Amino acid sequence: MQALSDFCCAIGVNVPTGKDSLSMSQQYPNGEKIISPGTVIVSAGGEVSDVKKVVSPVLVNDKNSSIYHIDFSFDEQRLGGSAFAQTFGKVGSDVPTVKNSEYFVDCFNAIQELIRRGWIMAGHDISAGGLITTLLEMTFGNRRGGLHINLHNLAGSDIVKNLFAENPGVVIQVSDVHKNDLKEFLEDVGVGYAKIGYPTPNERTLVVKKDDYEESFDIDELRDVWYKTSYLLDRQQSRNGCAEERYKNYKQQPLEMAFNRGFTGKLSQYGLKRRHDAKDNRPKAAIIREKGTNGEREMAYSLYLAGFDVKDVMMTDLITGRETLEEIQMIVFCGGFSNSDVLGSAKGWAGAFLFNPKAKEALDKFYARKDTLSLGICNGCQLMVELGLVDKLDDQANNSSTRQLVDSSTKMKMLHNDSRKFESEFITLQIPENKSVMFGSLSGNKLGLWVAHGEGKFHLPGSEDQYHIVAKYNYSGYPANPNGSDFDVAGICSADGRHLAMMPHLERAIFPWQCAWYPESRRMDEVTPWIEAFVNARKWIEGVRK
């Protein structure tokens, strides 16, 4: 039998090599083919009883744990329709089925109960590529560690079917502390299982054994094979060599977080409560929205949780004079797609301020005051840069009350991402030493959050020390710096630290469950350090008001 290492191309389906062979496309009756069409297809939806009880597919490198296989199909293993068959140019007719639907439901409910009890350390469904792909993908998210697998308890003598059949099922990792409880529980509910292996934290291989057969797989080598399909697709979408750079860097830029030593993750650390008394004399913040803004709800709650009284202000309120911002201490320009972004980088939104006298007057008066703060995120960041709101300096060092624009040779701009495509991913920011109102206390932290933008590149023609940088992408190079910003800048503020503009969405990461990755040891945190930025803003305003 040919060595199984030769078969592992099945972990990505047959890799396409030409642009006409890409499978993620839509072909229309006139013959036009669109690569990766912008159509969202939702095939199913389900209610989640507790969003905090989630299972990661990433293997935990704990030698005192075991890997279990649970088959949902109650059927023989079959290769028809599998990725393995496709690598040989075949489809097959003998496909796996769910032989007993009631048993399938029992298996599903058993897994939900195990999650509820907190026994599952990691888990992954068996789908395209079969068991071998599932096991490899559970190791790909780590930079070290492997698995030792023995399939002697799996039914059937065909090692290829054992590894590549796509019968529905799951692989779970459970601490050995619970091994007797797990056995008792699964037997009580009538669900079959097989213990198939254990982690090897000091080895970077996947060893598979069954009877006289044994094969060792190089995890890092196969991770490159697994990722190559995405790279070949990315070549059709990304420009300026970004696909190649992502392929080079995807495993060189791991997510990492570092918090202040005193951070507890508790709301009580900041004296916060989830609901406020309507009579509380809280600072007033206004979320300013334009057509297409879509980040206002997360932002409103972040401000509310931090202790603000939050007001919703549409541009029409400012244009008509219904809102003057006179009673507002902080304004936030949220992310989204103002005017569909067809004019680029919030230019249409900026025009609504510049060419409507009442809106312009309200904004000018707000920024002329010394007791105000402002924040622009994503589309709002583009707006602040377009209007020059973070270029303006308080020349307090010269005891002058005038506001002036920095020299035009250093004036920042927002440009299209180097990849020339919309970037949406979870990344890490590092917070350099800074004196901004919101981020000053977070200096030295490394924090995770989301980016979602098409024009997020900070073009900073001056030297780095000419700008008040408050946030940087954690690595130089794509994709960790998703847009190619100069000096890896993700956020910048005015000289006095009061007005901050950044592209990533901190309001979408104030709770651990909002994050794509969060340190395992801190999964029970009530909030992430990002809430501190909003609390800092509220405390500053309270100090100014005294």
Protein backbone atom coordinates (compact mmCIF):
# COMPACT_ATOMS: atom_id res chain seq x y z
CA MET A 1 0.00 0.00 0.00
CA GLN A 2 1.28 3.48 -0.87
CA ALA A 3 2.48 5.41 2.19
CA LEU A 4 -0.27 7.52 3.73
CA SER A 5 1.97 10.57 3.62
CA ASP A 6 1.43 10.53 -0.15
CA PHE A 7 -2.32 10.74 0.40
CA CYS A 8 -2.34 13.80 2.61
CA CYS A 9 -3.09 16.14 -0.25
CA ALA A 10 -6.64 15.14 0.64
CA ILE A 11 -6.59 17.60 3.49
CA GLY A 12 -7.36 20.40 1.08
CA VAL A 13 -9.09 18.65 -1.84
CA ASN A 14 -7.17 18.52 -5.11
CA VAL A 15 -5.22 21.79 -5.19
CA PRO A 16 -6.11 23.96 -8.19
CA THR A 17 -3.24 25.33 -10.21
CA GLY A 18 -4.89 27.63 -12.75
CA LYS A 19 -7.40 30.41 -12.32
CA ASP A 20 -10.06 28.50 -14.29
CA SER A 21 -9.80 25.55 -11.91
CA LEU A 22 -10.77 27.48 -8.79
CA SER A 23 -13.88 25.95 -7.28
CA MET A 24 -15.05 28.94 -5.23
CA SER A 25 -16.79 30.74 -8.08
CA GLN A 26 -20.18 31.56 -9.53
CA GLN A 27 -20.86 31.11 -13.24
CA TYR A 28 -23.78 32.98 -14.80
CA PRO A 29 -25.90 32.04 -17.88
CA ASN A 30 -23.95 34.44 -20.11
CA GLY A 31 -20.76 32.53 -19.31
CA GLU A 32 -19.32 35.13 -16.95
CA LYS A 33 -17.49 33.61 -13.99
CA ILE A 34 -17.03 35.53 -10.75
CA ILE A 35 -14.28 34.34 -8.40
CA SER A 36 -15.47 34.20 -4.78
CA PRO A 37 -18.80 35.98 -5.31
CA GLY A 38 -19.97 38.39 -2.63
CA THR A 39 -23.05 36.34 -1.77
CA VAL A 40 -23.72 35.20 1.76
CA ILE A 41 -25.39 31.80 1.99
CA VAL A 42 -26.74 30.83 5.41
CA SER A 43 -27.56 27.13 5.42
CA ALA A 44 -28.57 26.78 9.05
CA GLY A 45 -28.89 28.65 12.31
CA GLY A 46 -29.05 27.60 15.93
CA GLU A 47 -29.67 29.12 19.32
CA VAL A 48 -26.73 29.34 21.73
CA SER A 49 -27.69 29.08 25.38
CA ASP A 50 -24.36 30.41 26.70
CA VAL A 51 -21.99 32.12 24.30
CA LYS A 52 -19.16 31.78 26.82
CA LYS A 53 -19.28 27.97 26.73
CA VAL A 54 -17.40 27.33 23.53
CA VAL A 55 -14.99 24.61 22.45
CA SER A 56 -11.85 25.48 20.54
CA PRO A 57 -10.60 23.12 17.82
CA VAL A 58 -7.00 23.78 18.89
CA LEU A 59 -5.34 20.93 20.77
CA VAL A 60 -4.27 21.70 24.34
CA ASN A 61 -0.72 20.47 24.86
CA ASP A 62 -1.51 18.58 28.05
CA LYS A 63 -0.01 15.10 28.30
CA ASN A 64 -2.48 14.25 31.06
CA SER A 65 -5.40 14.18 28.67
CA SER A 66 -6.77 11.84 26.02
CA ILE A 67 -8.29 12.03 22.55
CA TYR A 68 -11.66 10.34 21.91
CA HIS A 69 -13.50 9.57 18.68
CA ILE A 70 -17.31 9.62 18.71
CA ASP A 71 -19.05 8.39 15.56
CA PHE A 72 -22.47 9.95 14.89
CA SER A 73 -23.30 7.89 11.79
CA PHE A 74 -23.76 4.41 13.27
CA ASP A 75 -22.68 3.22 9.83
CA GLU A 76 -19.74 1.55 8.10
CA GLN A 77 -16.92 3.84 7.00
CA ARG A 78 -17.21 4.68 3.31
CA LEU A 79 -15.06 6.74 0.91
CA GLY A 80 -17.64 7.76 -1.69
CA GLY A 81 -17.78 11.54 -2.16
CA SER A 82 -14.74 12.08 0.04
CA ALA A 83 -11.87 14.47 -0.48
CA PHE A 84 -9.66 11.40 -0.61
CA ALA A 85 -11.59 10.07 -3.62
CA GLN A 86 -11.37 13.45 -5.33
CA THR A 87 -7.56 13.38 -5.17
CA PHE A 88 -7.75 10.38 -7.50
CA GLY A 89 -10.27 12.06 -9.79
CA LYS A 90 -13.11 9.88 -8.52
CA VAL A 91 -16.44 10.43 -6.80
CA GLY A 92 -17.62 6.94 -5.91
CA SER A 93 -21.12 5.66 -5.18
CA ASP A 94 -20.74 4.13 -1.71
CA VAL A 95 -21.15 7.16 0.52
CA PRO A 96 -21.47 7.43 4.32
CA THR A 97 -24.94 7.88 5.75
CA VAL A 98 -26.59 8.48 9.10
CA LYS A 99 -27.99 5.03 9.71
CA ASN A 100 -29.95 5.91 12.84
CA SER A 101 -31.26 9.47 13.21
CA GLU A 102 -32.22 8.99 16.86
CA TYR A 103 -28.70 7.87 17.67
CA PHE A 104 -27.36 10.96 15.89
CA VAL A 105 -29.53 13.14 18.15
CA ASP A 106 -28.30 11.25 21.21
CA CYS A 107 -24.68 11.88 20.19
CA PHE A 108 -25.33 15.55 19.58
CA ASN A 109 -27.05 16.02 22.95
CA ALA A 110 -24.28 14.12 24.72
CA ILE A 111 -21.67 16.49 23.30
CA GLN A 112 -23.74 19.50 24.38
CA GLU A 113 -23.89 18.11 27.90
CA LEU A 114 -20.13 17.54 27.96
CA ILE A 115 -19.63 21.15 26.89
CA ARG A 116 -22.03 22.32 29.58
CA ARG A 117 -20.06 20.38 32.18
CA GLY A 118 -16.80 21.88 30.93
CA TRP A 119 -15.13 18.54 30.28
CA ILE A 120 -14.13 19.12 26.65
CA MET A 121 -10.74 20.80 26.36
CA ALA A 122 -10.77 20.86 22.55
CA GLY A 123 -12.96 19.41 19.84
CA HIS A 124 -13.32 19.19 16.08
CA ASP A 125 -15.92 17.71 13.76
CA ILE A 126 -14.98 15.13 11.14
CA SER A 127 -15.77 16.46 7.68
CA ALA A 128 -13.78 17.05 4.48
CA GLY A 129 -10.60 15.01 4.64
CA GLY A 130 -11.75 12.64 7.35
CA LEU A 131 -10.16 11.79 10.69
CA ILE A 132 -6.57 12.46 9.55
CA THR A 133 -7.49 16.01 8.57
CA THR A 134 -9.34 16.56 11.83
CA LEU A 135 -6.33 15.47 13.88
CA LEU A 136 -3.92 17.58 11.85
CA GLU A 137 -6.12 20.67 12.00
CA MET A 138 -6.29 20.34 15.78
CA THR A 139 -2.49 20.68 15.87
CA PHE A 140 -2.10 23.41 13.21
CA GLY A 141 -3.18 26.20 15.56
CA ASN A 142 -0.17 25.53 17.81
CA ARG A 143 3.49 26.13 17.14
CA ARG A 144 4.55 23.11 19.17
CA GLY A 145 3.16 19.78 20.27
CA GLY A 146 1.76 16.80 18.42
CA LEU A 147 -0.33 13.66 18.82
CA HIS A 148 0.17 9.94 19.24
CA ILE A 149 -2.81 8.06 17.78
CA ASN A 150 -3.60 4.34 17.96
CA LEU A 151 -6.69 3.25 16.02
CA HIS A 152 -6.91 -0.31 17.31
CA ASN A 153 -10.33 0.44 18.88
CA LEU A 154 -11.84 1.72 15.62
CA ALA A 155 -13.98 -0.78 13.73
CA GLY A 156 -12.70 -2.12 10.42
CA SER A 157 -9.26 -3.18 9.29
CA ASP A 158 -8.90 -0.68 6.41
CA ILE A 159 -6.57 2.05 7.65
CA VAL A 160 -7.41 4.27 4.67
CA LYS A 161 -11.12 4.22 5.53
CA ASN A 162 -10.31 4.79 9.20
CA LEU A 163 -8.38 7.94 8.33
CA PHE A 164 -10.19 9.35 5.29
CA ALA A 165 -13.86 8.34 5.55
CA GLU A 166 -16.05 11.36 6.19
CA ASN A 167 -18.73 9.72 8.32
CA PRO A 168 -20.15 12.41 10.61
CA GLY A 169 -18.58 12.43 14.04
CA VAL A 170 -16.34 14.39 16.38
CA VAL A 171 -12.96 14.17 18.03
CA ILE A 172 -12.74 15.54 21.55
CA GLN A 173 -9.94 16.06 24.05
CA VAL A 174 -10.78 15.36 27.70
CA SER A 175 -8.60 15.62 30.78
CA ASP A 176 -7.71 12.29 32.34
CA VAL A 177 -9.20 13.67 35.55
CA HIS A 178 -12.61 13.03 33.93
CA LYS A 179 -11.86 9.77 32.12
CA ASN A 180 -13.92 7.58 34.47
CA ASP A 181 -16.76 10.09 34.60
CA LEU A 182 -16.71 10.34 30.80
CA LYS A 183 -16.90 6.57 30.41
CA GLU A 184 -19.80 6.35 32.85
CA PHE A 185 -21.70 9.23 31.24
CA LEU A 186 -21.39 8.00 27.63
CA GLU A 187 -22.36 4.48 28.59
CA ASP A 188 -25.39 5.78 30.51
CA VAL A 189 -26.67 7.72 27.48
CA GLY A 190 -25.87 4.88 25.08
CA VAL A 191 -23.25 6.67 22.98
CA GLY A 192 -20.31 4.72 21.62
CA TYR A 193 -16.78 6.09 21.76
CA ALA A 194 -13.17 5.06 21.28
CA LYS A 195 -10.10 6.40 23.02
CA ILE A 196 -7.64 6.91 20.19
CA GLY A 197 -4.64 8.73 21.59
CA TYR A 198 -2.99 11.47 23.61
CA PRO A 199 -1.04 14.72 23.08
CA THR A 200 2.76 14.74 22.84
CA PRO A 201 3.70 18.29 23.94
CA ASN A 202 7.42 17.88 23.19
CA GLU A 203 7.09 16.42 19.69
CA ARG A 204 5.93 18.10 16.48
CA THR A 205 4.65 14.99 14.75
CA LEU A 206 1.40 13.10 14.34
CA VAL A 207 2.07 9.40 14.85
CA VAL A 208 -0.67 7.04 13.63
CA LYS A 209 -0.69 3.34 14.50
CA LYS A 210 -3.01 0.44 13.85
CA ASP A 211 -1.92 -3.14 14.38
CA ASP A 212 1.30 -3.53 12.35
CA TYR A 213 0.90 -0.20 10.56
CA GLU A 214 2.67 2.94 11.83
CA GLU A 215 3.26 6.29 10.10
CA SER A 216 4.72 9.55 11.37
CA PHE A 217 3.56 12.84 9.81
CA ASP A 218 5.46 16.13 9.91
CA ILE A 219 2.83 18.59 11.16
CA ASP A 220 4.53 21.78 9.99
CA GLU A 221 5.17 20.37 6.50
CA LEU A 222 1.54 19.28 6.16
CA ARG A 223 0.33 22.62 7.49
CA ASP A 224 1.93 24.26 4.45
CA VAL A 225 0.18 21.75 2.19
CA TRP A 226 -3.12 22.43 3.96
CA TYR A 227 -2.70 26.19 3.59
CA LYS A 228 -1.61 26.14 -0.05
CA THR A 229 -5.18 25.95 -1.37
CA SER A 230 -6.00 29.21 0.39
CA TYR A 231 -2.81 30.75 -0.95
CA LEU A 232 -3.65 29.83 -4.54
CA LEU A 233 -7.10 31.35 -4.16
CA ASP A 234 -5.62 34.42 -2.47
CA ARG A 235 -3.36 34.99 -5.49
CA GLN A 236 -6.49 35.69 -7.52
CA GLN A 237 -7.73 38.28 -5.02
CA SER A 238 -4.76 40.05 -3.41
CA ARG A 239 -2.42 42.48 -5.11
CA ASN A 240 1.14 43.72 -4.57
CA GLY A 241 2.48 40.32 -3.58
CA CYS A 242 0.32 40.14 -0.46
CA ALA A 243 -0.76 36.54 -1.12
CA GLU A 244 2.85 35.43 -1.18
CA GLU A 245 3.63 37.48 1.92
CA ARG A 246 0.68 35.95 3.79
CA TYR A 247 1.83 32.45 2.80
CA LYS A 248 5.30 33.26 4.14
CA ASN A 249 4.07 34.86 7.37
CA TYR A 250 0.88 33.02 8.31
CA LYS A 251 2.64 30.85 10.89
CA GLN A 252 5.25 33.44 11.85
CA GLN A 253 2.78 35.90 13.35
CA PRO A 254 0.95 34.11 16.18
CA LEU A 255 -1.63 35.96 18.23
CA GLU A 256 -0.33 37.01 21.62
CA MET A 257 -1.69 39.07 24.47
CA ALA A 258 -0.05 40.76 27.46
CA PHE A 259 -2.05 42.61 30.11
CA ASN A 260 -1.21 45.02 32.89
CA ARG A 261 -0.21 43.09 35.99
CA GLY A 262 -3.04 44.60 38.00
CA PHE A 263 -5.78 43.71 35.51
CA THR A 264 -8.32 41.40 37.14
CA GLY A 265 -10.86 41.01 34.34
CA LYS A 266 -13.63 41.97 36.75
CA LEU A 267 -16.13 44.79 36.32
CA SER A 268 -15.65 45.57 40.00
CA GLN A 269 -12.05 46.63 39.28
CA TYR A 270 -13.48 49.72 37.60
CA GLY A 271 -16.52 50.08 39.83
CA LEU A 272 -18.77 49.20 36.89
CA LYS A 273 -22.24 47.73 36.84
CA ARG A 274 -24.25 46.41 33.93
CA ARG A 275 -27.20 48.70 34.59
CA HIS A 276 -27.19 52.34 35.67
CA ASP A 277 -29.73 54.34 37.60
CA ALA A 278 -31.45 56.84 35.33
CA LYS A 279 -30.77 59.53 37.93
CA ASP A 280 -27.00 59.04 37.83
CA ASN A 281 -25.17 62.18 36.77
CA ARG A 282 -23.14 60.47 34.08
CA PRO A 283 -21.00 62.19 31.43
CA LYS A 284 -22.79 62.49 28.12
CA ALA A 285 -21.44 60.79 25.02
CA ALA A 286 -22.91 61.01 21.52
CA ILE A 287 -22.56 58.46 18.77
CA ILE A 288 -22.64 60.32 15.48
CA ARG A 289 -23.97 58.25 12.62
CA GLU A 290 -24.22 58.61 8.87
CA LYS A 291 -26.03 56.43 6.34
CA GLY A 292 -24.24 53.07 6.41
CA THR A 293 -22.82 53.22 9.93
CA ASN A 294 -23.00 49.73 11.44
CA GLY A 295 -20.92 49.72 14.61
CA GLU A 296 -23.11 51.90 16.79
CA ARG A 297 -24.68 49.23 18.99
CA GLU A 298 -21.42 47.71 20.22
CA MET A 299 -20.00 51.21 20.73
CA ALA A 300 -23.08 52.43 22.59
CA TYR A 301 -22.92 49.53 25.01
CA SER A 302 -19.17 49.93 25.56
CA LEU A 303 -19.72 53.56 26.51
CA TYR A 304 -22.77 52.75 28.63
CA LEU A 305 -20.95 49.98 30.49
CA ALA A 306 -18.06 52.34 31.21
CA GLY A 307 -20.44 54.82 32.82
CA PHE A 308 -21.58 57.17 30.05
CA ASP A 309 -25.06 58.43 29.26
CA VAL A 310 -25.14 57.67 25.53
CA LYS A 311 -27.07 59.62 22.91
CA ASP A 312 -27.74 58.57 19.32
CA VAL A 313 -27.13 61.44 16.88
CA MET A 314 -27.76 61.17 13.16
CA MET A 315 -26.12 63.55 10.72
CA THR A 316 -29.57 64.93 9.91
CA ASP A 317 -29.84 66.01 13.55
CA LEU A 318 -26.70 68.11 13.14
CA ILE A 319 -27.55 69.37 9.66
CA THR A 320 -30.98 70.64 10.76
CA GLY A 321 -29.72 72.08 14.04
CA ARG A 322 -31.79 69.72 16.21
CA GLU A 323 -28.51 68.72 17.88
CA THR A 324 -25.74 71.19 18.70
CA LEU A 325 -23.45 68.98 20.87
CA GLU A 326 -23.39 71.71 23.52
CA GLU A 327 -24.23 69.25 26.32
CA ILE A 328 -21.99 66.47 24.99
CA GLN A 329 -18.54 65.77 26.45
CA MET A 330 -17.50 62.93 24.12
CA ILE A 331 -18.39 62.12 20.54
CA VAL A 332 -17.70 58.88 18.71
CA PHE A 333 -17.69 58.35 14.96
CA CYS A 334 -18.41 54.63 14.49
CA GLY A 335 -17.34 52.17 11.86
CA GLY A 336 -19.37 51.15 8.85
CA PHE A 337 -19.75 52.19 5.24
CA SER A 338 -20.95 55.78 5.18
CA ASN A 339 -22.64 56.51 1.87
CA SER A 340 -21.62 52.96 0.88
CA ASP A 341 -18.02 54.24 0.88
CA VAL A 342 -18.39 54.77 -2.86
CA LEU A 343 -16.61 58.10 -2.53
CA GLY A 344 -13.76 56.50 -0.59
CA SER A 345 -12.41 56.96 2.93
CA ALA A 346 -15.47 58.74 4.34
CA LYS A 347 -15.19 61.68 1.93
CA GLY A 348 -18.97 61.74 1.57
CA TRP A 349 -19.39 61.83 5.34
CA ALA A 350 -16.80 64.61 5.61
CA GLY A 351 -18.71 66.57 2.99
CA ALA A 352 -21.83 66.42 5.17
CA PHE A 353 -19.92 68.39 7.79
CA LEU A 354 -18.02 70.72 5.49
CA PHE A 355 -20.96 71.81 3.32
CA ASN A 356 -23.73 72.07 5.92
CA PRO A 357 -23.25 75.21 8.03
CA LYS A 358 -25.10 74.03 11.15
CA ALA A 359 -23.28 70.68 11.25
CA LYS A 360 -19.93 72.37 10.69
CA GLU A 361 -20.62 74.95 13.39
CA ALA A 362 -21.59 72.27 15.93
CA LEU A 363 -18.41 70.30 15.19
CA ASP A 364 -16.13 73.35 15.27
CA LYS A 365 -17.54 74.52 18.59
CA PHE A 366 -17.18 71.03 20.06
CA TYR A 367 -13.49 70.80 19.13
CA ALA A 368 -12.85 74.35 20.32
CA ARG A 369 -13.84 73.37 23.86
CA LYS A 370 -11.22 72.11 26.33
CA ASP A 371 -13.52 69.66 28.12
CA THR A 372 -14.22 67.29 25.21
CA LEU A 373 -12.97 63.99 23.86
CA SER A 374 -13.53 62.26 20.55
CA LEU A 375 -12.96 58.81 19.10
CA GLY A 376 -13.14 57.62 15.51
CA ILE A 377 -13.14 53.91 14.67
CA CYS A 378 -12.69 52.47 11.16
CA ASN A 379 -14.96 54.57 8.93
CA GLY A 380 -14.97 57.12 11.76
CA CYS A 381 -11.17 57.11 11.77
CA GLN A 382 -11.19 57.85 8.05
CA LEU A 383 -13.57 60.73 8.72
CA MET A 384 -11.38 62.24 11.45
CA VAL A 385 -8.32 62.04 9.21
CA GLU A 386 -10.22 63.49 6.25
CA LEU A 387 -11.39 66.44 8.38
CA GLY A 388 -7.94 66.92 9.91
CA LEU A 389 -9.26 66.39 13.44
CA VAL A 390 -6.17 64.50 14.62
CA ASP A 391 -3.73 66.69 12.71
CA LYS A 392 -4.82 69.70 14.76
CA LEU A 393 -2.56 70.62 17.65
CA ASP A 394 -3.15 72.44 20.91
CA ASP A 395 -0.18 74.75 21.03
CA GLN A 396 -0.35 74.88 24.81
CA ALA A 397 3.42 74.64 25.06
CA ASN A 398 3.58 78.17 23.63
CA ASN A 399 0.68 79.36 25.80
CA SER A 400 -1.37 79.96 22.70
CA SER A 401 -5.11 79.35 22.45
CA THR A 402 -5.06 79.05 18.68
CA ARG A 403 -5.36 75.73 16.87
CA GLN A 404 -3.20 75.11 13.86
CA LEU A 405 -2.72 72.42 11.26
CA VAL A 406 0.57 70.57 11.16
CA ASP A 407 2.84 71.22 8.22
CA SER A 408 1.35 69.81 5.02
CA SER A 409 4.47 67.71 4.47
CA THR A 410 3.49 65.56 7.44
CA LYS A 411 -0.30 65.58 6.95
CA MET A 412 -1.64 62.05 7.20
CA LYS A 413 -3.98 60.35 4.75
CA MET A 414 -5.95 57.12 4.62
CA LEU A 415 -5.28 54.97 1.56
CA HIS A 416 -6.49 51.66 0.13
CA ASN A 417 -5.05 48.53 1.72
CA ASP A 418 -1.92 47.32 -0.04
CA SER A 419 -3.76 44.09 -0.84
CA ARG A 420 -6.42 46.15 -2.66
CA LYS A 421 -9.12 44.10 -0.97
CA PHE A 422 -11.32 44.29 2.10
CA GLU A 423 -9.47 42.86 5.11
CA SER A 424 -11.39 41.26 7.97
CA GLU A 425 -9.45 39.38 10.62
CA PHE A 426 -8.59 39.12 14.31
CA ILE A 427 -5.17 40.61 15.00
CA THR A 428 -2.98 41.73 17.90
CA LEU A 429 -2.14 45.35 18.66
CA GLN A 430 0.71 46.54 20.82
CA ILE A 431 0.18 49.75 22.76
CA PRO A 432 3.39 51.80 22.87
CA GLU A 433 4.13 54.27 25.64
CA ASN A 434 1.70 57.15 25.05
CA LYS A 435 -0.05 60.00 26.82
CA SER A 436 -3.49 59.73 25.27
CA VAL A 437 -6.50 60.01 27.54
CA MET A 438 -7.93 56.65 26.53
CA PHE A 439 -4.84 54.50 25.94
CA GLY A 440 -2.23 55.99 28.29
CA SER A 441 -2.82 53.44 31.06
CA LEU A 442 -2.70 50.58 28.53
CA SER A 443 0.90 51.33 27.50
CA GLY A 444 2.88 48.12 27.18
CA ASN A 445 -0.18 45.91 26.64
CA LYS A 446 -0.67 43.56 23.70
CA LEU A 447 -4.36 43.13 22.97
CA GLY A 448 -6.44 41.31 20.38
CA LEU A 449 -9.29 42.80 18.37
CA TRP A 450 -10.93 42.88 14.94
CA VAL A 451 -10.19 44.79 11.76
CA ALA A 452 -12.70 45.16 8.93
CA HIS A 453 -11.84 47.73 6.28
CA GLY A 454 -10.81 48.34 2.69
CA GLU A 455 -9.03 51.68 3.12
CA GLY A 456 -7.17 51.40 6.39
CA LYS A 457 -3.61 52.32 5.43
CA PHE A 458 -2.17 55.22 7.39
CA HIS A 459 0.00 57.19 5.00
CA LEU A 460 2.38 59.18 7.23
CA PRO A 461 4.88 61.07 5.09
CA GLY A 462 6.82 62.51 8.06
CA SER A 463 9.13 60.71 10.45
CA GLU A 464 7.61 58.43 13.08
CA ASP A 465 8.36 60.79 15.96
CA GLN A 466 6.24 63.50 14.34
CA TYR A 467 3.03 61.60 15.10
CA HIS A 468 1.33 60.70 18.35
CA ILE A 469 1.01 56.96 17.85
CA VAL A 470 -1.14 55.08 20.35
CA ALA A 471 -1.47 51.64 18.74
CA LYS A 472 0.64 49.52 16.37
CA TYR A 473 0.08 46.19 14.69
CA ASN A 474 2.02 43.57 16.58
CA TYR A 475 4.18 42.53 13.61
CA SER A 476 5.54 44.27 10.57
CA GLY A 477 4.40 42.70 7.34
CA TYR A 478 1.16 41.32 5.99
CA PRO A 479 -1.24 39.99 7.22
CA ALA A 480 -0.55 41.10 10.83
CA ASN A 481 -0.33 44.62 9.44
CA PRO A 482 -3.42 44.12 7.27
CA ASN A 483 -3.22 47.31 5.25
CA GLY A 484 0.46 48.25 4.96
CA SER A 485 0.25 51.28 7.27
CA ASP A 486 3.44 53.25 7.67
CA PHE A 487 5.30 52.39 10.88
CA ASP A 488 2.67 49.63 11.42
CA VAL A 489 0.35 52.29 12.83
CA ALA A 490 -3.17 51.24 13.82
CA GLY A 491 -4.16 54.27 15.90
CA ILE A 492 -3.09 57.86 16.36
CA CYS A 493 -4.17 60.78 18.52
CA SER A 494 -3.93 64.55 18.75
CA ALA A 495 -1.01 66.15 20.54
CA ASP A 496 -3.05 66.76 23.68
CA GLY A 497 -4.19 63.12 23.76
CA ARG A 498 -7.90 63.98 23.67
CA HIS A 499 -8.86 63.00 20.13
CA LEU A 500 -8.08 59.48 18.95
CA ALA A 501 -8.56 57.77 15.59
CA MET A 502 -7.90 54.09 14.92
CA MET A 503 -8.91 51.53 12.32
CA PRO A 504 -9.40 48.33 14.44
CA HIS A 505 -12.62 47.90 16.44
CA LEU A 506 -11.93 47.90 20.18
CA GLU A 507 -15.68 48.07 20.85
CA ARG A 508 -16.01 44.61 19.30
CA ALA A 509 -13.60 43.06 21.80
CA ILE A 510 -14.55 44.29 25.26
CA PHE A 511 -15.73 40.80 26.28
CA PRO A 512 -13.57 37.65 26.03
CA TRP A 513 -16.28 35.80 24.11
CA GLN A 514 -16.09 38.42 21.36
CA CYS A 515 -12.46 37.54 20.70
CA ALA A 516 -11.36 34.90 18.21
CA TRP A 517 -8.63 33.99 20.69
CA TYR A 518 -8.19 34.83 24.35
CA PRO A 519 -5.71 33.39 26.87
CA GLU A 520 -7.06 30.09 28.18
CA SER A 521 -6.22 31.01 31.75
CA ARG A 522 -8.41 34.11 31.51
CA ARG A 523 -11.46 32.67 29.79
CA MET A 524 -13.61 33.49 32.82
CA ASP A 525 -12.80 37.21 32.70
CA GLU A 526 -15.90 39.40 32.65
CA VAL A 527 -14.23 42.03 30.44
CA THR A 528 -11.04 42.51 28.44
CA PRO A 529 -8.57 45.36 29.03
CA TRP A 530 -10.21 47.35 26.21
CA ILE A 531 -12.94 48.46 28.62
CA GLU A 532 -10.26 50.45 30.42
CA ALA A 533 -9.98 52.83 27.47
CA PHE A 534 -13.65 53.80 27.85
CA VAL A 535 -13.36 54.03 31.63
CA ASN A 536 -10.34 56.32 31.23
CA ALA A 537 -12.42 58.61 29.01
CA ARG A 538 -15.23 58.81 31.54
CA LYS A 539 -12.87 59.49 34.45
CA TRP A 540 -11.07 62.23 32.52
CA ILE A 541 -14.34 64.01 31.81
CA GLU A 542 -15.43 63.66 35.42
CA GLY A 543 -12.12 65.22 36.48
CA VAL A 544 -12.52 68.13 34.09
CA ARG A 545 -16.08 68.78 35.29
CA LYS A 546 -15.05 69.13 38.96
